[in-house]
Amino acid sequence: MARSDRESLATQWAELANLHPDELADWLETDASWAVGYKGYGEESVGHAAGRRIVDLLEADRGSWSDEDWALVRKAVGVIRRHRAQWPEGDVTDTRWRHALMNWGHDPLR
């Protein structure tokens, strides 16, 4: 990925990843976090597994991110943007929609 692409992605990520690493780590331990997302063949959803990696990325210096890390950030930005575009009506405080976004490091109510 070109440097300019990484800079643009980093800017988007900084706007969207609004959970502190400790908040995200604590959230990922809740039943609500485990209950949402596409699970595929395993017990852990794709978003939950990504959230565990995102905690590490939020704590790390971007200069140390690998190509795989940047790919995850690109995926997370896409997931967050797509889900935000589908904002449901009504109070979203305790919804699967919000909980799924939180697994990706974004609380839409902030």
PDB file of N, CA and C in Angstrom:
ATOM      1  N   MET A   1       0.859  -1.176   0.000  1.00  0.00           N
ATOM      2  CA  MET A   1       0.000   0.000   0.000  1.00  0.00           C
ATOM      3  C   MET A   1       0.901   1.233   0.000  1.00  0.00           C
ATOM      4  N   ALA A   2       0.564   2.167  -0.868  1.00  0.00           N
ATOM      5  CA  ALA A   2       1.354   3.389  -0.988  1.00  0.00           C
ATOM      6  C   ALA A   2       1.249   4.231   0.283  1.00  0.00           C
ATOM      7  N   ARG A   3       2.285   5.017   0.502  1.00  0.00           N
ATOM      8  CA  ARG A   3       2.324   5.863   1.702  1.00  0.00           C
ATOM      9  C   ARG A   3       1.109   6.797   1.781  1.00  0.00           C
ATOM     10  N   SER A   4       0.727   7.386   0.651  1.00  0.00           N
ATOM     11  CA  SER A   4      -0.417   8.307   0.648  1.00  0.00           C
ATOM     12  C   SER A   4      -1.711   7.561   0.982  1.00  0.00           C
ATOM     13  N   ASP A   5      -1.822   6.309   0.524  1.00  0.00           N
ATOM     14  CA  ASP A   5      -2.996   5.495   0.867  1.00  0.00           C
ATOM     15  C   ASP A   5      -3.035   5.217   2.366  1.00  0.00           C
ATOM     16  N   ARG A   6      -1.881   4.939   2.928  1.00  0.00           N
ATOM     17  CA  ARG A   6      -1.817   4.688   4.368  1.00  0.00           C
ATOM     18  C   ARG A   6      -2.165   5.940   5.168  1.00  0.00           C
ATOM     19  N   GLU A   7      -1.709   7.082   4.695  1.00  0.00           N
ATOM     20  CA  GLU A   7      -2.026   8.330   5.394  1.00  0.00           C
ATOM     21  C   GLU A   7      -3.525   8.604   5.363  1.00  0.00           C
ATOM     22  N   SER A   8      -4.148   8.395   4.225  1.00  0.00           N
ATOM     23  CA  SER A   8      -5.596   8.588   4.096  1.00  0.00           C
ATOM     24  C   SER A   8      -6.344   7.602   4.981  1.00  0.00           C
ATOM     25  N   LEU A   9      -5.920   6.358   4.955  1.00  0.00           N
ATOM     26  CA  LEU A   9      -6.548   5.327   5.779  1.00  0.00           C
ATOM     27  C   LEU A   9      -6.371   5.633   7.263  1.00  0.00           C
ATOM     28  N   ALA A  10      -5.193   6.095   7.650  1.00  0.00           N
ATOM     29  CA  ALA A  10      -4.933   6.443   9.052  1.00  0.00           C
ATOM     30  C   ALA A  10      -5.842   7.576   9.510  1.00  0.00           C
ATOM     31  N   THR A  11      -6.094   8.538   8.636  1.00  0.00           N
ATOM     32  CA  THR A  11      -6.991   9.644   8.966  1.00  0.00           C
ATOM     33  C   THR A  11      -8.411   9.130   9.185  1.00  0.00           C
ATOM     34  N   GLN A  12      -8.874   8.278   8.289  1.00  0.00           N
ATOM     35  CA  GLN A  12     -10.213   7.700   8.426  1.00  0.00           C
ATOM     36  C   GLN A  12     -10.311   6.871   9.707  1.00  0.00           C
ATOM     37  N   TRP A  13      -9.281   6.087   9.958  1.00  0.00           N
ATOM     38  CA  TRP A  13      -9.245   5.236  11.145  1.00  0.00           C
ATOM     39  C   TRP A  13      -9.306   6.074  12.422  1.00  0.00           C
ATOM     40  N   ALA A  14      -8.568   7.167  12.448  1.00  0.00           N
ATOM     41  CA  ALA A  14      -8.550   8.043  13.625  1.00  0.00           C
ATOM     42  C   ALA A  14      -9.933   8.631  13.892  1.00  0.00           C
ATOM     43  N   GLU A  15     -10.695   8.874  12.846  1.00  0.00           N
ATOM     44  CA  GLU A  15     -12.055   9.405  12.998  1.00  0.00           C
ATOM     45  C   GLU A  15     -13.032   8.336  13.470  1.00  0.00           C
ATOM     46  N   LEU A  16     -12.836   7.100  13.056  1.00  0.00           N
ATOM     47  CA  LEU A  16     -13.821   6.046  13.310  1.00  0.00           C
ATOM     48  C   LEU A  16     -13.528   5.191  14.539  1.00  0.00           C
ATOM     49  N   ALA A  17     -12.287   4.928  14.827  1.00  0.00           N
ATOM     50  CA  ALA A  17     -11.927   4.070  15.961  1.00  0.00           C
ATOM     51  C   ALA A  17     -11.987   4.908  17.226  1.00  0.00           C
ATOM     52  N   ASN A  18     -13.168   5.025  17.801  1.00  0.00           N
ATOM     53  CA  ASN A  18     -13.355   5.948  18.914  1.00  0.00           C
ATOM     54  C   ASN A  18     -13.424   5.274  20.287  1.00  0.00           C
ATOM     55  N   LEU A  19     -13.128   3.999  20.359  1.00  0.00           N
ATOM     56  CA  LEU A  19     -13.033   3.333  21.656  1.00  0.00           C
ATOM     57  C   LEU A  19     -11.563   3.270  22.068  1.00  0.00           C
ATOM     58  N   HIS A  20     -11.313   3.568  23.320  1.00  0.00           N
ATOM     59  CA  HIS A  20      -9.964   3.440  23.881  1.00  0.00           C
ATOM     60  C   HIS A  20      -9.636   1.944  23.947  1.00  0.00           C
ATOM     61  N   PRO A  21      -8.380   1.571  23.795  1.00  0.00           N
ATOM     62  CA  PRO A  21      -8.032   0.143  23.835  1.00  0.00           C
ATOM     63  C   PRO A  21      -8.567  -0.580  25.071  1.00  0.00           C
ATOM     64  N   ASP A  22      -8.496   0.071  26.243  1.00  0.00           N
ATOM     65  CA  ASP A  22      -9.008  -0.567  27.467  1.00  0.00           C
ATOM     66  C   ASP A  22     -10.515  -0.747  27.411  1.00  0.00           C
ATOM     67  N   GLU A  23     -11.221   0.244  26.866  1.00  0.00           N
ATOM     68  CA  GLU A  23     -12.670   0.130  26.728  1.00  0.00           C
ATOM     69  C   GLU A  23     -13.034  -1.017  25.795  1.00  0.00           C
ATOM     70  N   LEU A  24     -12.337  -1.096  24.669  1.00  0.00           N
ATOM     71  CA  LEU A  24     -12.612  -2.164  23.706  1.00  0.00           C
ATOM     72  C   LEU A  24     -12.302  -3.522  24.309  1.00  0.00           C
ATOM     73  N   ALA A  25     -11.183  -3.649  24.992  1.00  0.00           N
ATOM     74  CA  ALA A  25     -10.823  -4.927  25.622  1.00  0.00           C
ATOM     75  C   ALA A  25     -11.891  -5.344  26.636  1.00  0.00           C
ATOM     76  N   ASP A  26     -12.348  -4.403  27.445  1.00  0.00           N
ATOM     77  CA  ASP A  26     -13.403  -4.711  28.423  1.00  0.00           C
ATOM     78  C   ASP A  26     -14.692  -5.098  27.714  1.00  0.00           C
ATOM     79  N   TRP A  27     -15.053  -4.348  26.667  1.00  0.00           N
ATOM     80  CA  TRP A  27     -16.275  -4.636  25.908  1.00  0.00           C
ATOM     81  C   TRP A  27     -16.234  -6.050  25.325  1.00  0.00           C
ATOM     82  N   LEU A  28     -15.096  -6.447  24.789  1.00  0.00           N
ATOM     83  CA  LEU A  28     -14.977  -7.756  24.148  1.00  0.00           C
ATOM     84  C   LEU A  28     -15.176  -8.917  25.124  1.00  0.00           C
ATOM     85  N   GLU A  29     -15.120  -8.634  26.414  1.00  0.00           N
ATOM     86  CA  GLU A  29     -15.345  -9.673  27.427  1.00  0.00           C
ATOM     87  C   GLU A  29     -16.820  -9.839  27.785  1.00  0.00           C
ATOM     88  N   THR A  30     -17.688  -8.974  27.267  1.00  0.00           N
ATOM     89  CA  THR A  30     -19.099  -9.025  27.647  1.00  0.00           C
ATOM     90  C   THR A  30     -19.866 -10.050  26.815  1.00  0.00           C
ATOM     91  N   ASP A  31     -20.974 -10.528  27.386  1.00  0.00           N
ATOM     92  CA  ASP A  31     -21.848 -11.453  26.656  1.00  0.00           C
ATOM     93  C   ASP A  31     -22.426 -10.783  25.413  1.00  0.00           C
ATOM     94  N   ALA A  32     -22.756  -9.493  25.517  1.00  0.00           N
ATOM     95  CA  ALA A  32     -23.330  -8.771  24.375  1.00  0.00           C
ATOM     96  C   ALA A  32     -22.344  -8.743  23.206  1.00  0.00           C
ATOM     97  N   SER A  33     -21.080  -8.595  23.491  1.00  0.00           N
ATOM     98  CA  SER A  33     -20.066  -8.575  22.446  1.00  0.00           C
ATOM     99  C   SER A  33     -19.966  -9.937  21.760  1.00  0.00           C
ATOM    100  N   TRP A  34     -19.973 -10.985  22.546  1.00  0.00           N
ATOM    101  CA  TRP A  34     -19.864 -12.344  22.003  1.00  0.00           C
ATOM    102  C   TRP A  34     -21.104 -12.761  21.221  1.00  0.00           C
ATOM    103  N   ALA A  35     -22.237 -12.117  21.493  1.00  0.00           N
ATOM    104  CA  ALA A  35     -23.521 -12.542  20.917  1.00  0.00           C
ATOM    105  C   ALA A  35     -23.764 -12.038  19.496  1.00  0.00           C
ATOM    106  N   VAL A  36     -22.948 -11.122  19.006  1.00  0.00           N
ATOM    107  CA  VAL A  36     -23.226 -10.525  17.697  1.00  0.00           C
ATOM    108  C   VAL A  36     -22.173 -10.885  16.671  1.00  0.00           C
ATOM    109  N   GLY A  37     -22.566 -10.744  15.411  1.00  0.00           N
ATOM    110  CA  GLY A  37     -21.623 -10.905  14.316  1.00  0.00           C
ATOM    111  C   GLY A  37     -21.707 -12.250  13.640  1.00  0.00           C
ATOM    112  N   TYR A  38     -21.109 -12.305  12.459  1.00  0.00           N
ATOM    113  CA  TYR A  38     -21.072 -13.520  11.656  1.00  0.00           C
ATOM    114  C   TYR A  38     -20.059 -14.489  12.247  1.00  0.00           C
ATOM    115  N   LYS A  39     -20.519 -15.683  12.570  1.00  0.00           N
ATOM    116  CA  LYS A  39     -19.654 -16.646  13.243  1.00  0.00           C
ATOM    117  C   LYS A  39     -19.016 -17.671  12.306  1.00  0.00           C
ATOM    118  N   GLY A  40     -19.523 -17.847  11.120  1.00  0.00           N
ATOM    119  CA  GLY A  40     -18.918 -18.818  10.209  1.00  0.00           C
ATOM    120  C   GLY A  40     -18.885 -20.195  10.827  1.00  0.00           C
ATOM    121  N   TYR A  41     -17.718 -20.806  10.853  1.00  0.00           N
ATOM    122  CA  TYR A  41     -17.594 -22.163  11.363  1.00  0.00           C
ATOM    123  C   TYR A  41     -17.168 -22.236  12.818  1.00  0.00           C
ATOM    124  N   GLY A  42     -16.720 -21.127  13.359  1.00  0.00           N
ATOM    125  CA  GLY A  42     -16.231 -21.147  14.731  1.00  0.00           C
ATOM    126  C   GLY A  42     -17.213 -20.531  15.698  1.00  0.00           C
ATOM    127  N   GLU A  43     -16.815 -20.409  16.920  1.00  0.00           N
ATOM    128  CA  GLU A  43     -17.668 -19.834  17.949  1.00  0.00           C
ATOM    129  C   GLU A  43     -17.481 -18.328  18.080  1.00  0.00           C
ATOM    130  N   GLU A  44     -16.343 -17.828  17.629  1.00  0.00           N
ATOM    131  CA  GLU A  44     -16.075 -16.399  17.735  1.00  0.00           C
ATOM    132  C   GLU A  44     -16.405 -15.729  16.403  1.00  0.00           C
ATOM    133  N   SER A  45     -17.133 -14.605  16.465  1.00  0.00           N
ATOM    134  CA  SER A  45     -17.492 -13.906  15.235  1.00  0.00           C
ATOM    135  C   SER A  45     -16.262 -13.251  14.614  1.00  0.00           C
ATOM    136  N   VAL A  46     -16.391 -12.939  13.343  1.00  0.00           N
ATOM    137  CA  VAL A  46     -15.328 -12.265  12.615  1.00  0.00           C
ATOM    138  C   VAL A  46     -15.007 -10.922  13.279  1.00  0.00           C
ATOM    139  N   GLY A  47     -16.058 -10.166  13.628  1.00  0.00           N
ATOM    140  CA  GLY A  47     -15.856  -8.857  14.252  1.00  0.00           C
ATOM    141  C   GLY A  47     -15.217  -8.953  15.624  1.00  0.00           C
ATOM    142  N   HIS A  48     -15.586  -9.976  16.380  1.00  0.00           N
ATOM    143  CA  HIS A  48     -15.002 -10.147  17.716  1.00  0.00           C
ATOM    144  C   HIS A  48     -13.513 -10.466  17.608  1.00  0.00           C
ATOM    145  N   ALA A  49     -13.170 -11.358  16.701  1.00  0.00           N
ATOM    146  CA  ALA A  49     -11.753 -11.698  16.494  1.00  0.00           C
ATOM    147  C   ALA A  49     -10.986 -10.460  16.015  1.00  0.00           C
ATOM    148  N   ALA A  50     -11.593  -9.699  15.115  1.00  0.00           N
ATOM    149  CA  ALA A  50     -10.944  -8.476  14.644  1.00  0.00           C
ATOM    150  C   ALA A  50     -10.762  -7.505  15.805  1.00  0.00           C
ATOM    151  N   GLY A  51     -11.754  -7.418  16.670  1.00  0.00           N
ATOM    152  CA  GLY A  51     -11.669  -6.520  17.820  1.00  0.00           C
ATOM    153  C   GLY A  51     -10.472  -6.817  18.706  1.00  0.00           C
ATOM    154  N   ARG A  52     -10.185  -8.098  18.891  1.00  0.00           N
ATOM    155  CA  ARG A  52      -9.012  -8.450  19.706  1.00  0.00           C
ATOM    156  C   ARG A  52      -7.736  -7.923  19.070  1.00  0.00           C
ATOM    157  N   ARG A  53      -7.645  -8.018  17.751  1.00  0.00           N
ATOM    158  CA  ARG A  53      -6.470  -7.491  17.046  1.00  0.00           C
ATOM    159  C   ARG A  53      -6.459  -5.963  17.063  1.00  0.00           C
ATOM    160  N   ILE A  54      -7.640  -5.367  16.984  1.00  0.00           N
ATOM    161  CA  ILE A  54      -7.746  -3.910  16.974  1.00  0.00           C
ATOM    162  C   ILE A  54      -7.261  -3.324  18.291  1.00  0.00           C
ATOM    163  N   VAL A  55      -7.510  -4.018  19.394  1.00  0.00           N
ATOM    164  CA  VAL A  55      -6.994  -3.551  20.691  1.00  0.00           C
ATOM    165  C   VAL A  55      -5.481  -3.380  20.586  1.00  0.00           C
ATOM    166  N   ASP A  56      -4.810  -4.365  20.031  1.00  0.00           N
ATOM    167  CA  ASP A  56      -3.353  -4.293  19.891  1.00  0.00           C
ATOM    168  C   ASP A  56      -2.935  -3.141  18.976  1.00  0.00           C
ATOM    169  N   LEU A  57      -3.680  -2.942  17.884  1.00  0.00           N
ATOM    170  CA  LEU A  57      -3.344  -1.863  16.956  1.00  0.00           C
ATOM    171  C   LEU A  57      -3.530  -0.493  17.593  1.00  0.00           C
ATOM    172  N   LEU A  58      -4.573  -0.354  18.387  1.00  0.00           N
ATOM    173  CA  LEU A  58      -4.814   0.925  19.058  1.00  0.00           C
ATOM    174  C   LEU A  58      -3.712   1.258  20.057  1.00  0.00           C
ATOM    175  N   GLU A  59      -3.077   0.238  20.590  1.00  0.00           N
ATOM    176  CA  GLU A  59      -1.990   0.441  21.558  1.00  0.00           C
ATOM    177  C   GLU A  59      -0.633   0.620  20.890  1.00  0.00           C
ATOM    178  N   ALA A  60      -0.521   0.199  19.639  1.00  0.00           N
ATOM    179  CA  ALA A  60       0.772   0.205  18.948  1.00  0.00           C
ATOM    180  C   ALA A  60       0.997   1.497  18.176  1.00  0.00           C
ATOM    181  N   ASP A  61       2.244   1.781  17.922  1.00  0.00           N
ATOM    182  CA  ASP A  61       2.632   2.889  17.054  1.00  0.00           C
ATOM    183  C   ASP A  61       2.353   2.465  15.613  1.00  0.00           C
ATOM    184  N   ARG A  62       1.703   3.323  14.849  1.00  0.00           N
ATOM    185  CA  ARG A  62       1.372   2.989  13.454  1.00  0.00           C
ATOM    186  C   ARG A  62       2.612   2.615  12.637  1.00  0.00           C
ATOM    187  N   GLY A  63       3.742   3.168  13.001  1.00  0.00           N
ATOM    188  CA  GLY A  63       4.961   2.853  12.271  1.00  0.00           C
ATOM    189  C   GLY A  63       5.364   1.390  12.393  1.00  0.00           C
ATOM    190  N   SER A  64       4.816   0.708  13.382  1.00  0.00           N
ATOM    191  CA  SER A  64       5.153  -0.708  13.575  1.00  0.00           C
ATOM    192  C   SER A  64       4.122  -1.641  12.941  1.00  0.00           C
ATOM    193  N   TRP A  65       3.072  -1.088  12.353  1.00  0.00           N
ATOM    194  CA  TRP A  65       2.033  -1.941  11.763  1.00  0.00           C
ATOM    195  C   TRP A  65       2.557  -2.681  10.538  1.00  0.00           C
ATOM    196  N   SER A  66       2.191  -3.939  10.429  1.00  0.00           N
ATOM    197  CA  SER A  66       2.551  -4.770   9.285  1.00  0.00           C
ATOM    198  C   SER A  66       1.527  -4.563   8.159  1.00  0.00           C
ATOM    199  N   ASP A  67       1.812  -5.137   7.005  1.00  0.00           N
ATOM    200  CA  ASP A  67       0.849  -5.085   5.899  1.00  0.00           C
ATOM    201  C   ASP A  67      -0.476  -5.729   6.314  1.00  0.00           C
ATOM    202  N   GLU A  68      -0.407  -6.804   7.093  1.00  0.00           N
ATOM    203  CA  GLU A  68      -1.630  -7.454   7.585  1.00  0.00           C
ATOM    204  C   GLU A  68      -2.414  -6.519   8.505  1.00  0.00           C
ATOM    205  N   ASP A  69      -1.710  -5.763   9.320  1.00  0.00           N
ATOM    206  CA  ASP A  69      -2.369  -4.801  10.203  1.00  0.00           C
ATOM    207  C   ASP A  69      -3.098  -3.735   9.387  1.00  0.00           C
ATOM    208  N   TRP A  70      -2.419  -3.205   8.370  1.00  0.00           N
ATOM    209  CA  TRP A  70      -3.040  -2.195   7.519  1.00  0.00           C
ATOM    210  C   TRP A  70      -4.250  -2.778   6.794  1.00  0.00           C
ATOM    211  N   ALA A  71      -4.177  -4.028   6.400  1.00  0.00           N
ATOM    212  CA  ALA A  71      -5.315  -4.675   5.733  1.00  0.00           C
ATOM    213  C   ALA A  71      -6.498  -4.777   6.694  1.00  0.00           C
ATOM    214  N   LEU A  72      -6.240  -5.088   7.956  1.00  0.00           N
ATOM    215  CA  LEU A  72      -7.316  -5.152   8.944  1.00  0.00           C
ATOM    216  C   LEU A  72      -7.921  -3.775   9.163  1.00  0.00           C
ATOM    217  N   VAL A  73      -7.099  -2.749   9.234  1.00  0.00           N
ATOM    218  CA  VAL A  73      -7.611  -1.388   9.413  1.00  0.00           C
ATOM    219  C   VAL A  73      -8.481  -1.004   8.216  1.00  0.00           C
ATOM    220  N   ARG A  74      -8.044  -1.335   7.020  1.00  0.00           N
ATOM    221  CA  ARG A  74      -8.840  -1.053   5.817  1.00  0.00           C
ATOM    222  C   ARG A  74     -10.187  -1.775   5.904  1.00  0.00           C
ATOM    223  N   LYS A  75     -10.156  -3.033   6.320  1.00  0.00           N
ATOM    224  CA  LYS A  75     -11.398  -3.808   6.453  1.00  0.00           C
ATOM    225  C   LYS A  75     -12.296  -3.178   7.513  1.00  0.00           C
ATOM    226  N   ALA A  76     -11.721  -2.800   8.650  1.00  0.00           N
ATOM    227  CA  ALA A  76     -12.502  -2.214   9.740  1.00  0.00           C
ATOM    228  C   ALA A  76     -13.156  -0.909   9.306  1.00  0.00           C
ATOM    229  N   VAL A  77     -12.415  -0.067   8.608  1.00  0.00           N
ATOM    230  CA  VAL A  77     -12.976   1.197   8.119  1.00  0.00           C
ATOM    231  C   VAL A  77     -14.156   0.907   7.196  1.00  0.00           C
ATOM    232  N   GLY A  78     -14.012  -0.070   6.310  1.00  0.00           N
ATOM    233  CA  GLY A  78     -15.104  -0.430   5.402  1.00  0.00           C
ATOM    234  C   GLY A  78     -16.324  -0.954   6.136  1.00  0.00           C
ATOM    235  N   VAL A  79     -16.090  -1.848   7.099  1.00  0.00           N
ATOM    236  CA  VAL A  79     -17.200  -2.405   7.881  1.00  0.00           C
ATOM    237  C   VAL A  79     -17.922  -1.294   8.643  1.00  0.00           C
ATOM    238  N   ILE A  80     -17.167  -0.449   9.298  1.00  0.00           N
ATOM    239  CA  ILE A  80     -17.774   0.630  10.093  1.00  0.00           C
ATOM    240  C   ILE A  80     -18.574   1.568   9.190  1.00  0.00           C
ATOM    241  N   ARG A  81     -18.009   1.959   8.061  1.00  0.00           N
ATOM    242  CA  ARG A  81     -18.720   2.872   7.160  1.00  0.00           C
ATOM    243  C   ARG A  81     -20.001   2.232   6.622  1.00  0.00           C
ATOM    244  N   ARG A  82     -19.932   0.955   6.223  1.00  0.00           N
ATOM    245  CA  ARG A  82     -21.132   0.276   5.708  1.00  0.00           C
ATOM    246  C   ARG A  82     -22.213   0.167   6.772  1.00  0.00           C
ATOM    247  N   HIS A  83     -21.826  -0.221   7.981  1.00  0.00           N
ATOM    248  CA  HIS A  83     -22.811  -0.367   9.054  1.00  0.00           C
ATOM    249  C   HIS A  83     -23.410   0.977   9.454  1.00  0.00           C
ATOM    250  N   ARG A  84     -22.589   2.007   9.508  1.00  0.00           N
ATOM    251  CA  ARG A  84     -23.113   3.334   9.870  1.00  0.00           C
ATOM    252  C   ARG A  84     -24.123   3.824   8.826  1.00  0.00           C
ATOM    253  N   ALA A  85     -23.933   3.442   7.569  1.00  0.00           N
ATOM    254  CA  ALA A  85     -24.862   3.848   6.513  1.00  0.00           C
ATOM    255  C   ALA A  85     -26.226   3.164   6.668  1.00  0.00           C
ATOM    256  N   GLN A  86     -26.288   2.129   7.495  1.00  0.00           N
ATOM    257  CA  GLN A  86     -27.533   1.388   7.721  1.00  0.00           C
ATOM    258  C   GLN A  86     -28.102   1.671   9.106  1.00  0.00           C
ATOM    259  N   TRP A  87     -27.883   2.869   9.607  1.00  0.00           N
ATOM    260  CA  TRP A  87     -28.313   3.266  10.951  1.00  0.00           C
ATOM    261  C   TRP A  87     -29.803   2.972  11.108  1.00  0.00           C
ATOM    262  N   PRO A  88     -30.167   2.131  12.070  1.00  0.00           N
ATOM    263  CA  PRO A  88     -31.583   1.801  12.252  1.00  0.00           C
ATOM    264  C   PRO A  88     -32.360   2.932  12.922  1.00  0.00           C
ATOM    265  N   GLU A  89     -33.664   2.883  12.774  1.00  0.00           N
ATOM    266  CA  GLU A  89     -34.519   3.878  13.419  1.00  0.00           C
ATOM    267  C   GLU A  89     -34.630   3.581  14.903  1.00  0.00           C
ATOM    268  N   GLY A  90     -34.942   4.603  15.650  1.00  0.00           N
ATOM    269  CA  GLY A  90     -35.193   4.444  17.075  1.00  0.00           C
ATOM    270  C   GLY A  90     -33.927   4.476  17.906  1.00  0.00           C
ATOM    271  N   ASP A  91     -34.093   4.086  19.147  1.00  0.00           N
ATOM    272  CA  ASP A  91     -32.999   4.071  20.114  1.00  0.00           C
ATOM    273  C   ASP A  91     -32.079   2.890  19.816  1.00  0.00           C
ATOM    274  N   VAL A  92     -30.832   3.167  19.536  1.00  0.00           N
ATOM    275  CA  VAL A  92     -29.877   2.117  19.186  1.00  0.00           C
ATOM    276  C   VAL A  92     -28.973   1.726  20.358  1.00  0.00           C
ATOM    277  N   THR A  93     -29.268   2.256  21.531  1.00  0.00           N
ATOM    278  CA  THR A  93     -28.382   2.066  22.675  1.00  0.00           C
ATOM    279  C   THR A  93     -28.049   0.601  22.926  1.00  0.00           C
ATOM    280  N   ASP A  94     -29.024  -0.259  22.950  1.00  0.00           N
ATOM    281  CA  ASP A  94     -28.794  -1.674  23.275  1.00  0.00           C
ATOM    282  C   ASP A  94     -29.218  -2.562  22.107  1.00  0.00           C
ATOM    283  N   THR A  95     -28.617  -2.300  20.940  1.00  0.00           N
ATOM    284  CA  THR A  95     -28.969  -3.065  19.746  1.00  0.00           C
ATOM    285  C   THR A  95     -27.790  -3.899  19.263  1.00  0.00           C
ATOM    286  N   ARG A  96     -28.109  -4.960  18.545  1.00  0.00           N
ATOM    287  CA  ARG A  96     -27.074  -5.793  17.944  1.00  0.00           C
ATOM    288  C   ARG A  96     -26.240  -4.972  16.959  1.00  0.00           C
ATOM    289  N   TRP A  97     -26.902  -4.027  16.281  1.00  0.00           N
ATOM    290  CA  TRP A  97     -26.216  -3.168  15.318  1.00  0.00           C
ATOM    291  C   TRP A  97     -25.089  -2.395  15.999  1.00  0.00           C
ATOM    292  N   ARG A  98     -25.411  -1.741  17.109  1.00  0.00           N
ATOM    293  CA  ARG A  98     -24.389  -0.979  17.845  1.00  0.00           C
ATOM    294  C   ARG A  98     -23.319  -1.909  18.411  1.00  0.00           C
ATOM    295  N   HIS A  99     -23.737  -3.018  18.956  1.00  0.00           N
ATOM    296  CA  HIS A  99     -22.780  -3.950  19.569  1.00  0.00           C
ATOM    297  C   HIS A  99     -21.795  -4.486  18.532  1.00  0.00           C
ATOM    298  N   ALA A 100     -22.288  -4.767  17.331  1.00  0.00           N
ATOM    299  CA  ALA A 100     -21.399  -5.248  16.271  1.00  0.00           C
ATOM    300  C   ALA A 100     -20.364  -4.178  15.919  1.00  0.00           C
ATOM    301  N   LEU A 101     -20.796  -2.932  15.819  1.00  0.00           N
ATOM    302  CA  LEU A 101     -19.855  -1.845  15.533  1.00  0.00           C
ATOM    303  C   LEU A 101     -18.827  -1.696  16.645  1.00  0.00           C
ATOM    304  N   MET A 102     -19.262  -1.851  17.867  1.00  0.00           N
ATOM    305  CA  MET A 102     -18.334  -1.717  18.993  1.00  0.00           C
ATOM    306  C   MET A 102     -17.258  -2.794  18.941  1.00  0.00           C
ATOM    307  N   ASN A 103     -17.590  -3.989  18.456  1.00  0.00           N
ATOM    308  CA  ASN A 103     -16.575  -5.034  18.302  1.00  0.00           C
ATOM    309  C   ASN A 103     -15.457  -4.596  17.363  1.00  0.00           C
ATOM    310  N   TRP A 104     -15.779  -3.702  16.438  1.00  0.00           N
ATOM    311  CA  TRP A 104     -14.801  -3.197  15.470  1.00  0.00           C
ATOM    312  C   TRP A 104     -14.117  -1.923  15.975  1.00  0.00           C
ATOM    313  N   GLY A 105     -14.389  -1.522  17.224  1.00  0.00           N
ATOM    314  CA  GLY A 105     -13.708  -0.367  17.810  1.00  0.00           C
ATOM    315  C   GLY A 105     -14.438   0.950  17.652  1.00  0.00           C
ATOM    316  N   HIS A 106     -15.705   0.900  17.231  1.00  0.00           N
ATOM    317  CA  HIS A 106     -16.460   2.138  16.978  1.00  0.00           C
ATOM    318  C   HIS A 106     -17.782   2.117  17.748  1.00  0.00           C
ATOM    319  N   ASP A 107     -17.977   3.121  18.587  1.00  0.00           N
ATOM    320  CA  ASP A 107     -19.266   3.296  19.249  1.00  0.00           C
ATOM    321  C   ASP A 107     -20.012   4.408  18.521  1.00  0.00           C
ATOM    322  N   PRO A 108     -21.094   4.077  17.831  1.00  0.00           N
ATOM    323  CA  PRO A 108     -21.798   5.085  17.038  1.00  0.00           C
ATOM    324  C   PRO A 108     -22.483   6.151  17.882  1.00  0.00           C
ATOM    325  N   LEU A 109     -22.592   5.952  19.167  1.00  0.00           N
ATOM    326  CA  LEU A 109     -23.240   6.937  20.025  1.00  0.00           C
ATOM    327  C   LEU A 109     -22.270   7.988  20.561  1.00  0.00           C
ATOM    328  N   ARG A 110     -21.026   7.906  20.154  1.00  0.00           N
ATOM    329  CA  ARG A 110     -20.039   8.915  20.584  1.00  0.00           C
ATOM    330  C   ARG A 110     -19.936  10.003  19.567  1.00  0.00           C
TER     331      ARG A 110
END
